Every structure is written in structure tokens, then in C-alpha cells.
C-alpha atoms as a PDB file:
ATOM      1  CA  MET A   1     -34.587-150.945 -41.656  1.00  0.00           C
ATOM      2  CA  SER A   2     -32.123-148.833 -43.668  1.00  0.00           C
ATOM      3  CA  GLU A   3     -30.600-145.759 -42.102  1.00  0.00           C
ATOM      4  CA  GLN A   4     -32.136-142.488 -43.274  1.00  0.00           C
ATOM      5  CA  ASN A   5     -29.905-139.606 -44.350  1.00  0.00           C
ATOM      6  CA  PRO A   6     -30.663-136.294 -42.601  1.00  0.00           C
ATOM      7  CA  PRO A   7     -32.267-133.508 -44.663  1.00  0.00           C
ATOM      8  CA  VAL A   8     -29.789-131.354 -46.563  1.00  0.00           C
ATOM      9  CA  LYS A   9     -28.904-127.914 -45.266  1.00  0.00           C
ATOM     10  CA  ILE A  10     -30.301-125.149 -47.481  1.00  0.00           C
ATOM     11  CA  ALA A  11     -27.685-122.442 -48.156  1.00  0.00           C
ATOM     12  CA  PRO A  12     -28.704-119.896 -50.831  1.00  0.00           C
ATOM     13  CA  PRO A  13     -26.152-117.519 -52.416  1.00  0.00           C
ATOM     14  CA  PRO A  14     -24.019-115.575 -51.953  1.00  0.00           C
ATOM     15  CA  TRP A  15     -21.292-117.911 -50.721  1.00  0.00           C
ATOM     16  CA  LYS A  16     -17.886-116.959 -49.355  1.00  0.00           C
ATOM     17  CA  CYS A  17     -15.452-119.852 -48.933  1.00  0.00           C
ATOM     18  CA  ARG A  18     -11.880-120.594 -47.927  1.00  0.00           C
ATOM     19  CA  TYR A  19     -10.084-123.528 -49.478  1.00  0.00           C
ATOM     20  CA  THR A  20      -6.878-125.038 -50.808  1.00  0.00           C
ATOM     21  CA  ALA A  21      -6.746-125.946 -54.498  1.00  0.00           C
ATOM     22  CA  TYR A  22      -4.502-127.533 -57.100  1.00  0.00           C
ATOM     23  CA  VAL A  23      -5.319-126.352 -60.620  1.00  0.00           C
ATOM     24  CA  GLY A  24      -4.039-127.996 -63.776  1.00  0.00           C
ATOM     25  CA  ALA A  25      -4.465-125.903 -66.934  1.00  0.00           C
ATOM     26  CA  PHE A  26      -4.404-127.333 -70.458  1.00  0.00           C
ATOM     27  CA  TYR A  27      -5.150-126.077 -73.961  1.00  0.00           C
ATOM     28  CA  LEU A  28      -7.866-127.932 -75.874  1.00  0.00           C
ATOM     29  CA  SER A  29      -8.335-127.454 -79.601  1.00  0.00           C
ATOM     30  CA  THR A  30     -11.671-127.848 -81.359  1.00  0.00           C
ATOM     31  CA  SER A  31      -9.821-129.749 -84.091  1.00  0.00           C
ATOM     32  CA  SER A  32     -10.489-132.788 -81.887  1.00  0.00           C
ATOM     33  CA  GLU A  33     -13.837-133.733 -80.380  1.00  0.00           C
ATOM     34  CA  LEU A  34     -14.776-133.137 -76.766  1.00  0.00           C
ATOM     35  CA  PRO A  35     -14.669-136.578 -75.048  1.00  0.00           C
ATOM     36  CA  ARG A  36     -18.150-136.522 -73.531  1.00  0.00           C
ATOM     37  CA  ASP A  37     -17.621-139.628 -71.424  1.00  0.00           C
ATOM     38  CA  LEU A  38     -14.907-137.713 -69.534  1.00  0.00           C
ATOM     39  CA  ALA A  39     -16.366-134.199 -69.744  1.00  0.00           C
ATOM     40  CA  TYR A  40     -19.807-135.167 -68.366  1.00  0.00           C
ATOM     41  CA  ASP A  41     -21.197-137.441 -65.683  1.00  0.00           C
ATOM     42  CA  PRO A  42     -23.504-140.040 -67.285  1.00  0.00           C
ATOM     43  CA  ILE A  43     -26.578-138.198 -65.945  1.00  0.00           C
ATOM     44  CA  GLU A  44     -25.684-134.929 -67.702  1.00  0.00           C
ATOM     45  CA  ALA A  45     -24.312-136.764 -70.761  1.00  0.00           C
ATOM     46  CA  SER A  46     -27.811-138.165 -71.340  1.00  0.00           C
ATOM     47  CA  SER A  47     -29.305-134.641 -71.611  1.00  0.00           C
ATOM     48  CA  SER A  48     -29.164-132.968 -75.029  1.00  0.00           C
ATOM     49  CA  VAL A  49     -29.922-129.620 -73.341  1.00  0.00           C
ATOM     50  CA  VAL A  50     -26.677-129.934 -71.385  1.00  0.00           C
ATOM     51  CA  THR A  51     -24.479-131.263 -74.180  1.00  0.00           C
ATOM     52  CA  ASP A  52     -25.847-129.628 -77.351  1.00  0.00           C
ATOM     53  CA  THR A  53     -27.344-126.197 -76.593  1.00  0.00           C
ATOM     54  CA  LEU A  54     -24.011-124.455 -76.004  1.00  0.00           C
ATOM     55  CA  LYS A  55     -21.215-124.612 -78.594  1.00  0.00           C
ATOM     56  CA  TRP A  56     -17.909-125.894 -77.258  1.00  0.00           C
ATOM     57  CA  LYS A  57     -15.078-123.501 -78.220  1.00  0.00           C
ATOM     58  CA  GLY A  58     -12.092-125.196 -76.584  1.00  0.00           C
ATOM     59  CA  GLY A  59      -9.302-122.966 -75.254  1.00  0.00           C
ATOM     60  CA  ILE A  60      -7.840-123.080 -71.762  1.00  0.00           C
ATOM     61  CA  ALA A  61      -9.310-125.989 -69.805  1.00  0.00           C
ATOM     62  CA  MET A  62      -8.846-126.787 -66.128  1.00  0.00           C
ATOM     63  CA  ILE A  63      -8.905-129.686 -63.721  1.00  0.00           C
ATOM     64  CA  GLN A  64      -9.299-128.426 -60.154  1.00  0.00           C
ATOM     65  CA  LEU A  65      -8.731-130.448 -56.983  1.00  0.00           C
ATOM     66  CA  LEU A  66     -10.124-128.583 -53.980  1.00  0.00           C
ATOM     67  CA  ARG A  67     -10.516-128.943 -50.239  1.00  0.00           C
ATOM     68  CA  TYR A  68     -12.955-126.427 -48.766  1.00  0.00           C
ATOM     69  CA  ASN A  69     -12.302-125.645 -45.101  1.00  0.00           C
ATOM     70  CA  GLU A  70     -14.925-122.920 -44.620  1.00  0.00           C
ATOM     71  CA  THR A  71     -18.239-122.791 -46.504  1.00  0.00           C
ATOM     72  CA  PRO A  72     -21.896-122.163 -45.606  1.00  0.00           C
ATOM     73  CA  VAL A  73     -22.388-125.957 -45.560  1.00  0.00           C
ATOM     74  CA  GLY A  74     -19.154-127.019 -43.879  1.00  0.00           C
ATOM     75  CA  PRO A  75     -15.952-128.651 -45.194  1.00  0.00           C
ATOM     76  CA  TYR A  76     -15.767-130.946 -48.219  1.00  0.00           C
ATOM     77  CA  ASP A  77     -13.515-132.139 -51.047  1.00  0.00           C
ATOM     78  CA  GLU A  78     -14.161-131.547 -54.737  1.00  0.00           C
ATOM     79  CA  ILE A  79     -12.902-132.162 -58.259  1.00  0.00           C
ATOM     80  CA  ALA A  80     -14.132-129.888 -61.053  1.00  0.00           C
ATOM     81  CA  ILE A  81     -13.652-130.365 -64.801  1.00  0.00           C
ATOM     82  CA  MET A  82     -13.835-127.186 -66.929  1.00  0.00           C
ATOM     83  CA  PRO A  83     -13.024-128.080 -70.560  1.00  0.00           C
ATOM     84  CA  GLY A  84     -12.668-124.577 -71.999  1.00  0.00           C
ATOM     85  CA  GLY A  85     -15.207-122.068 -73.239  1.00  0.00           C
ATOM     86  CA  PHE A  86     -18.839-122.562 -74.246  1.00  0.00           C
ATOM     87  CA  GLN A  87     -20.623-120.156 -76.575  1.00  0.00           C
ATOM     88  CA  LEU A  88     -24.163-118.841 -76.317  1.00  0.00           C
ATOM     89  CA  PRO A  89     -26.237-118.307 -79.487  1.00  0.00           C
ATOM     90  CA  ASN A  90     -25.517-114.545 -79.173  1.00  0.00           C
ATOM     91  CA  GLY A  91     -21.763-115.215 -79.423  1.00  0.00           C
ATOM     92  CA  ASP A  92     -20.831-114.658 -75.760  1.00  0.00           C
ATOM     93  CA  THR A  93     -18.352-117.281 -74.533  1.00  0.00           C
ATOM     94  CA  HIS A  94     -17.790-118.238 -70.901  1.00  0.00           C
ATOM     95  CA  SER A  95     -16.299-121.008 -68.788  1.00  0.00           C
ATOM     96  CA  SER A  96     -18.490-123.906 -67.672  1.00  0.00           C
ATOM     97  CA  VAL A  97     -18.122-126.648 -65.080  1.00  0.00           C
ATOM     98  CA  THR A  98     -19.257-129.729 -66.982  1.00  0.00           C
ATOM     99  CA  ARG A  99     -18.368-132.462 -64.481  1.00  0.00           C
ATOM    100  CA  ILE A 100     -17.842-132.165 -60.745  1.00  0.00           C
ATOM    101  CA  TYR A 101     -17.738-134.524 -57.769  1.00  0.00           C
ATOM    102  CA  VAL A 102     -17.952-133.659 -54.086  1.00  0.00           C
ATOM    103  CA  SER A 103     -17.594-135.585 -50.836  1.00  0.00           C
ATOM    104  CA  GLN A 104     -20.594-134.108 -49.027  1.00  0.00           C
ATOM    105  CA  ARG A 105     -24.376-134.112 -49.528  1.00  0.00           C
ATOM    106  CA  ASP A 106     -25.179-130.512 -48.584  1.00  0.00           C
ATOM    107  CA  THR A 107     -22.862-128.954 -51.151  1.00  0.00           C
ATOM    108  CA  CYS A 108     -24.068-131.415 -53.791  1.00  0.00           C
ATOM    109  CA  TYR A 109     -27.640-130.181 -53.385  1.00  0.00           C
ATOM    110  CA  ASN A 110     -26.870-126.475 -53.051  1.00  0.00           C
ATOM    111  CA  GLY A 111     -24.389-126.355 -55.930  1.00  0.00           C
ATOM    112  CA  ARG A 112     -27.012-127.741 -58.286  1.00  0.00           C
ATOM    113  CA  LYS A 113     -29.877-125.693 -56.850  1.00  0.00           C
ATOM    114  CA  ASN A 114     -28.065-122.350 -56.590  1.00  0.00           C
ATOM    115  CA  TRP A 115     -25.960-122.222 -59.766  1.00  0.00           C
ATOM    116  CA  ASN A 116     -26.690-125.311 -61.938  1.00  0.00           C
ATOM    117  CA  ILE A 117     -23.257-126.684 -61.046  1.00  0.00           C
ATOM    118  CA  PRO A 118     -23.673-130.413 -61.883  1.00  0.00           C
ATOM    119  CA  LYS A 119     -22.367-131.855 -58.623  1.00  0.00           C
ATOM    120  CA  HIS A 120     -22.471-135.557 -57.815  1.00  0.00           C
ATOM    121  CA  LEU A 121     -21.259-137.498 -54.796  1.00  0.00           C
ATOM    122  CA  ALA A 122     -17.947-139.362 -54.758  1.00  0.00           C
ATOM    123  CA  ARG A 123     -15.391-140.909 -52.453  1.00  0.00           C
ATOM    124  CA  PHE A 124     -11.926-139.313 -52.331  1.00  0.00           C
ATOM    125  CA  GLU A 125      -8.905-141.409 -51.369  1.00  0.00           C
ATOM    126  CA  TYR A 126      -5.493-139.850 -50.674  1.00  0.00           C
ATOM    127  CA  THR A 127      -1.942-141.061 -50.262  1.00  0.00           C
ATOM    128  CA  GLY A 128      -0.034-138.339 -48.438  1.00  0.00           C
ATOM    129  CA  SER A 129      -1.346-134.990 -47.204  1.00  0.00           C
ATOM    130  CA  PHE A 130      -3.589-132.792 -49.360  1.00  0.00           C
ATOM    131  CA  SER A 131      -2.343-129.706 -47.512  1.00  0.00           C
ATOM    132  CA  LYS A 132       1.231-130.075 -48.808  1.00  0.00           C
ATOM    133  CA  PRO A 133       2.569-131.985 -51.842  1.00  0.00           C
ATOM    134  CA  PRO A 134       3.570-134.610 -52.699  1.00  0.00           C
ATOM    135  CA  PHE A 135       0.333-136.589 -52.554  1.00  0.00           C
ATOM    136  CA  SER A 136      -1.879-138.723 -54.787  1.00  0.00           C
ATOM    137  CA  VAL A 137      -5.658-138.778 -55.117  1.00  0.00           C
ATOM    138  CA  SER A 138      -8.140-141.264 -56.559  1.00  0.00           C
ATOM    139  CA  ILE A 139     -11.814-140.400 -56.972  1.00  0.00           C
ATOM    140  CA  PHE A 140     -14.647-142.931 -57.053  1.00  0.00           C
ATOM    141  CA  PRO A 141     -18.125-141.709 -58.102  1.00  0.00           C
ATOM    142  CA  ALA A 142     -20.848-142.955 -55.767  1.00  0.00           C
ATOM    143  CA  SER A 143     -23.930-144.939 -56.715  1.00  0.00           C
ATOM    144  CA  SER A 144     -27.433-143.939 -55.662  1.00  0.00           C
ATOM    145  CA  ASP A 145     -27.000-145.419 -52.194  1.00  0.00           C
ATOM    146  CA  ASP A 146     -23.839-143.354 -51.568  1.00  0.00           C
ATOM    147  CA  HIS A 147     -21.545-146.361 -52.030  1.00  0.00           C
ATOM    148  CA  PRO A 148     -18.870-146.510 -54.723  1.00  0.00           C
ATOM    149  CA  ALA A 149     -20.298-147.645 -58.048  1.00  0.00           C
ATOM    150  CA  SER A 150     -16.944-149.005 -59.212  1.00  0.00           C
ATOM    151  CA  THR A 151     -13.804-150.460 -57.698  1.00  0.00           C
ATOM    152  CA  ALA A 152     -11.776-148.514 -60.299  1.00  0.00           C
ATOM    153  CA  PRO A 153     -11.348-144.739 -59.916  1.00  0.00           C
ATOM    154  CA  PHE A 154     -12.815-142.235 -62.367  1.00  0.00           C
ATOM    155  CA  PHE A 155      -9.736-140.038 -61.944  1.00  0.00           C
ATOM    156  CA  THR A 156      -6.269-140.457 -60.475  1.00  0.00           C
ATOM    157  CA  ALA A 157      -3.410-137.948 -60.276  1.00  0.00           C
ATOM    158  CA  SER A 158      -0.305-137.199 -58.251  1.00  0.00           C
ATOM    159  CA  ILE A 159       0.748-133.689 -57.246  1.00  0.00           C
ATOM    160  CA  ALA A 160       4.438-132.994 -56.675  1.00  0.00           C
ATOM    161  CA  PRO A 161       6.459-129.890 -55.780  1.00  0.00           C
ATOM    162  CA  LEU A 162       8.983-128.486 -58.246  1.00  0.00           C
ATOM    163  CA  ARG A 163      12.525-129.704 -57.644  1.00  0.00           C
ATOM    164  CA  PHE A 164      13.892-126.172 -57.742  1.00  0.00           C
ATOM    165  CA  TRP A 165      12.830-123.203 -55.630  1.00  0.00           C
ATOM    166  CA  THR A 166      10.294-120.788 -57.082  1.00  0.00           C
ATOM    167  CA  PRO A 167       8.786-117.774 -55.346  1.00  0.00           C
ATOM    168  CA  SER A 168       5.129-117.573 -54.409  1.00  0.00           C
ATOM    169  CA  PHE A 169       2.970-114.958 -56.095  1.00  0.00           C
ATOM    170  CA  PRO A 170      -0.532-113.485 -55.755  1.00  0.00           C
ATOM    171  CA  PHE A 171      -3.257-114.902 -57.995  1.00  0.00           C
ATOM    172  CA  SER A 172      -6.780-113.713 -58.735  1.00  0.00           C
ATOM    173  CA  THR A 173      -9.497-114.129 -61.342  1.00  0.00           C
ATOM    174  CA  ASN A 174      -8.794-110.533 -62.408  1.00  0.00           C
ATOM    175  CA  PHE A 175      -5.423-111.770 -63.671  1.00  0.00           C
ATOM    176  CA  ALA A 176      -6.915-114.924 -65.189  1.00  0.00           C
ATOM    177  CA  LYS A 177      -9.199-112.851 -67.414  1.00  0.00           C
ATOM    178  CA  HIS A 178      -6.124-111.427 -69.169  1.00  0.00           C
ATOM    179  CA  VAL A 179      -4.984-114.895 -70.260  1.00  0.00           C
ATOM    180  CA  GLY A 180      -8.336-115.959 -71.670  1.00  0.00           C
ATOM    181  CA  ILE A 181      -9.983-117.563 -68.622  1.00  0.00           C
ATOM    182  CA  SER A 182     -13.468-116.176 -67.968  1.00  0.00           C
ATOM    183  CA  ASN A 183     -14.486-115.637 -64.347  1.00  0.00           C
ATOM    184  CA  VAL A 184     -18.131-116.077 -65.400  1.00  0.00           C
ATOM    185  CA  LEU A 185     -19.661-119.544 -65.089  1.00  0.00           C
ATOM    186  CA  LEU A 186     -22.262-120.405 -67.728  1.00  0.00           C
ATOM    187  CA  GLN A 187     -24.295-123.415 -66.591  1.00  0.00           C
ATOM    188  CA  PRO A 188     -27.139-125.086 -68.519  1.00  0.00           C
ATOM    189  CA  PRO A 189     -30.236-126.556 -66.818  1.00  0.00           C
ATOM    190  CA  LEU A 190     -29.662-129.943 -65.222  1.00  0.00           C
ATOM    191  CA  PRO A 191     -31.521-133.253 -65.343  1.00  0.00           C
ATOM    192  CA  GLU A 192     -32.496-134.784 -62.033  1.00  0.00           C
ATOM    193  CA  GLY A 193     -30.014-137.353 -60.776  1.00  0.00           C
ATOM    194  CA  GLU A 194     -29.621-139.976 -58.072  1.00  0.00           C
ATOM    195  CA  PRO A 195     -30.065-139.770 -55.149  1.00  0.00           C
ATOM    196  CA  LYS A 196     -32.933-137.395 -55.886  1.00  0.00           C
ATOM    197  CA  ASP A 197     -32.783-135.606 -52.521  1.00  0.00           C
ATOM    198  CA  VAL A 198     -29.297-134.203 -53.261  1.00  0.00           C
ATOM    199  CA  THR A 199     -29.203-134.043 -57.094  1.00  0.00           C
ATOM    200  CA  PRO A 200     -32.156-131.863 -58.109  1.00  0.00           C
ATOM    201  CA  GLY A 201     -32.787-130.835 -61.685  1.00  0.00           C
ATOM    202  CA  SER A 202     -33.455-127.345 -63.064  1.00  0.00           C
ATOM    203  CA  GLU A 203     -35.059-125.632 -66.065  1.00  0.00           C
ATOM    204  CA  GLN A 204     -33.138-122.374 -66.679  1.00  0.00           C
ATOM    205  CA  PHE A 205     -29.666-121.361 -67.851  1.00  0.00           C
ATOM    206  CA  PHE A 206     -27.623-119.564 -65.181  1.00  0.00           C
ATOM    207  CA  LYS A 207     -24.650-117.211 -65.462  1.00  0.00           C
ATOM    208  CA  THR A 208     -22.675-116.412 -62.294  1.00  0.00           C
ATOM    209  CA  ASP A 209     -19.639-114.270 -61.503  1.00  0.00           C
ATOM    210  CA  GLY A 210     -16.997-116.081 -59.471  1.00  0.00           C
ATOM    211  CA  HIS A 211     -14.044-114.372 -57.792  1.00  0.00           C
ATOM    212  CA  ILE A 212     -10.892-116.071 -56.489  1.00  0.00           C
ATOM    213  CA  TRP A 213      -8.026-114.602 -54.526  1.00  0.00           C
ATOM    214  CA  CYS A 214      -4.867-116.278 -53.229  1.00  0.00           C
ATOM    215  CA  LYS A 215      -2.016-114.373 -51.596  1.00  0.00           C
ATOM    216  CA  LYS A 216       0.717-116.991 -52.072  1.00  0.00           C
ATOM    217  CA  ALA A 217       0.144-119.187 -55.106  1.00  0.00           C
ATOM    218  CA  LYS A 218       2.886-121.634 -56.088  1.00  0.00           C
ATOM    219  CA  LEU A 219       3.745-123.881 -59.025  1.00  0.00           C
ATOM    220  CA  VAL A 220       3.453-127.675 -58.799  1.00  0.00           C
ATOM    221  CA  TRP A 221       3.610-130.684 -61.103  1.00  0.00           C
ATOM    222  CA  PHE A 222       0.542-132.726 -62.085  1.00  0.00           C
ATOM    223  CA  ASP A 223       1.434-136.358 -62.884  1.00  0.00           C
ATOM    224  CA  MET A 224      -1.530-137.564 -64.978  1.00  0.00           C
ATOM    225  CA  LYS A 225      -0.406-141.139 -65.653  1.00  0.00           C
ATOM    226  CA  GLN A 226      -3.305-143.460 -64.927  1.00  0.00           C
ATOM    227  CA  PRO A 227      -2.517-146.653 -63.003  1.00  0.00           C
ATOM    228  CA  GLU A 228      -3.303-150.147 -64.182  1.00  0.00           C
ATOM    229  CA  GLY A 229      -6.953-150.923 -63.482  1.00  0.00           C
ATOM    230  CA  ALA A 230      -8.126-147.285 -63.604  1.00  0.00           C
ATOM    231  CA  VAL A 231     -11.188-146.398 -65.655  1.00  0.00           C
ATOM    232  CA  LYS A 232     -10.659-145.573 -69.340  1.00  0.00           C
ATOM    233  CA  VAL A 233      -6.986-146.521 -69.544  1.00  0.00           C
ATOM    234  CA  VAL A 234      -7.048-147.276 -73.260  1.00  0.00           C
ATOM    235  CA  LYS A 235      -4.790-146.262 -76.113  1.00  0.00           C
ATOM    236  CA  GLY A 236      -4.581-142.472 -76.256  1.00  0.00           C
ATOM    237  CA  ARG A 237      -5.858-142.059 -72.682  1.00  0.00           C
ATOM    238  CA  GLU A 238      -2.848-143.200 -70.697  1.00  0.00           C
ATOM    239  CA  ASN A 239      -2.723-139.700 -69.176  1.00  0.00           C
ATOM    240  CA  TRP A 240      -6.497-139.583 -68.611  1.00  0.00           C
ATOM    241  CA  TRP A 241      -7.603-136.998 -71.212  1.00  0.00           C
ATOM    242  CA  PRO A 242      -6.785-137.644 -74.889  1.00  0.00           C
ATOM    243  CA  GLY A 243      -3.639-135.760 -75.878  1.00  0.00           C
ATOM    244  CA  PHE A 244      -2.514-134.889 -72.336  1.00  0.00           C
ATOM    245  CA  ARG A 245       1.150-135.191 -71.465  1.00  0.00           C
ATOM    246  CA  ARG A 246       2.081-137.116 -68.357  1.00  0.00           C
ATOM    247  CA  TRP A 247       3.695-134.147 -66.564  1.00  0.00           C
ATOM    248  CA  ASN A 248       1.978-130.746 -66.557  1.00  0.00           C
ATOM    249  CA  LEU A 249       2.574-127.563 -64.595  1.00  0.00           C
ATOM    250  CA  GLY A 250      -0.205-126.479 -62.271  1.00  0.00           C
ATOM    251  CA  LEU A 251      -1.053-123.978 -59.565  1.00  0.00           C
ATOM    252  CA  TRP A 252      -1.182-124.614 -55.836  1.00  0.00           C
ATOM    253  CA  LEU A 253      -3.532-122.136 -54.135  1.00  0.00           C
ATOM    254  CA  PRO A 254      -3.181-122.485 -50.340  1.00  0.00           C
ATOM    255  CA  ASP A 255      -5.700-120.673 -48.140  1.00  0.00           C
ATOM    256  CA  ALA A 256      -7.522-119.162 -51.110  1.00  0.00           C
ATOM    257  CA  GLU A 257     -10.804-117.255 -51.026  1.00  0.00           C
ATOM    258  CA  LEU A 258     -13.811-117.796 -53.296  1.00  0.00           C
ATOM    259  CA  SER A 259     -16.997-115.789 -53.620  1.00  0.00           C
ATOM    260  CA  LEU A 260     -20.037-116.815 -55.682  1.00  0.00           C
ATOM    261  CA  GLY A 261     -22.994-114.475 -55.937  1.00  0.00           C
ATOM    262  CA  ASP A 262     -26.571-114.782 -57.127  1.00  0.00           C
ATOM    263  CA  PRO A 263     -26.883-116.180 -60.664  1.00  0.00           C
ATOM    264  CA  ASP A 264     -28.424-114.311 -63.572  1.00  0.00           C
ATOM    265  CA  VAL A 265     -31.010-116.163 -65.659  1.00  0.00           C
ATOM    266  CA  VAL A 266     -29.917-116.440 -69.294  1.00  0.00           C
ATOM    267  CA  LYS A 267     -32.603-116.515 -71.976  1.00  0.00           C
ATOM    268  CA  ILE A 268     -31.803-118.888 -74.854  1.00  0.00           C
END
């Protein structure tokens, strides 16, 4: 008889969390197409509501590697892909998390249920310590029985400190707004995924304010070169996303704070 997973913990908004993050920022132009096989998990990629209702506007995109130490559902690891801005029919443009993997069932369920954040389960493997660079990470999306669906990682990167000293500095979403990064998450309704008990679907568009604060942010390097045998290492994708350079500056946010409130329903 197979082992049963315990019921998920229900944790409605608002959420206040503490975490450490590494954020790589990149500029994406709409002169090239959005690579949907990278921007979306296959479940969301199959939904025209997710992929076609909002107009992709490009701009500043982000890859975020996160380790949450304090949340309403306990600790977990996460990778979030935010490929720039998405525009509503009324012209408003906001950020959107299009693909996201987590290491824990409770946050997978609640992220989807509370805010339409399209979380899926994955296994995270590290070489070195996440709490202080240098380290490397490989991420393997899980199949419906919570076991890795592939022996090759979906994403691999190495984080390294700068070779020269740089001072730390405060960072917040209030600052990010001034450089074109919206602190509002615009999330379309989600199809139901697998396993069904932790990947529920939804029927409404949500818009949520998110606020981040870090007292001592630092600069780091993202090494995006994909190893032999990794998924999607084909011509033009040697550094994972088409057009990415191998080495990119990023932010290290140690002991940061995040707050996510109740979402607003958006009528389309």
C-alpha cells in the first residue's frame, strides 16, 4: 500500500516571510518571441487563458532563487521566473510570475490558491552553501508522484561573489518601481495540475501588491552556462535563456522580508 501524503496546511493571506534570495535581472525585448517552453511549466503552457489573454511587453525580467526561513507554512526553497511586464486590455502593465517551482507541498497549494502563483513541486540540489556564495544549484521538476520527472535539470546556475569589495546597500520594492519593476503581481487563472491535491486550478484574474525589504543587499555574479546533459542545451540556449550572456550581475538579499496581502479580482 502506497504511503499517503498528509493534508496540506491552509494558510490564507496576508503572508509575512523572511528569506534569502539571489535575483538575476535581464532586459527582454519584444523584438524576439517569448520562449514559452522556458517561461511556462507545461501545465500552464497548455492553457490559452494563461498564455494569450495578457500581452507580453518585455522589459526587465528576473530569475529569483529563494530560501524561505519563516513563512506561515514553514521553510522551503523556490525558483521564480518573471519575464517582464504583461499588459491588461485596459493598458495597465504589471509583473507576472509565469513559472515557479518550490520544494514543499503546503506552499505549492497556498501559492496557487491565494494568488494564482503557478507553483509546482521540484527537487533542489546544491553544491556549496545557499547562505553564502559561491554555490551552484540544479532544479528538477517533480512528476505527479513527487519524484523527479527527468534526470536532467530544468535549470542550473552558479552564484559567485564579486572579486572586488563592494559595500552593501538597502533595497526595497519602492526603489524597484523607479527602475521600471512593478511591485504588483498580475496572475491569470490557472489550470489544475498534478498532483491535484497541491496544484489546484482557479477561474479569476488576481492582482496583488508585494513588498520587499532588505537592509544589506549585495552584488553577486550569476554564471548561466548550462552543463552538458542539462535540458534545452541547444544552439542559442547555452546560457539557458536565448540571448543571455554567461556572466550577469545579480542581487544577493540576505535576511530579507516579504509581505503579500489579499489579492484584488481583476475583471477582463
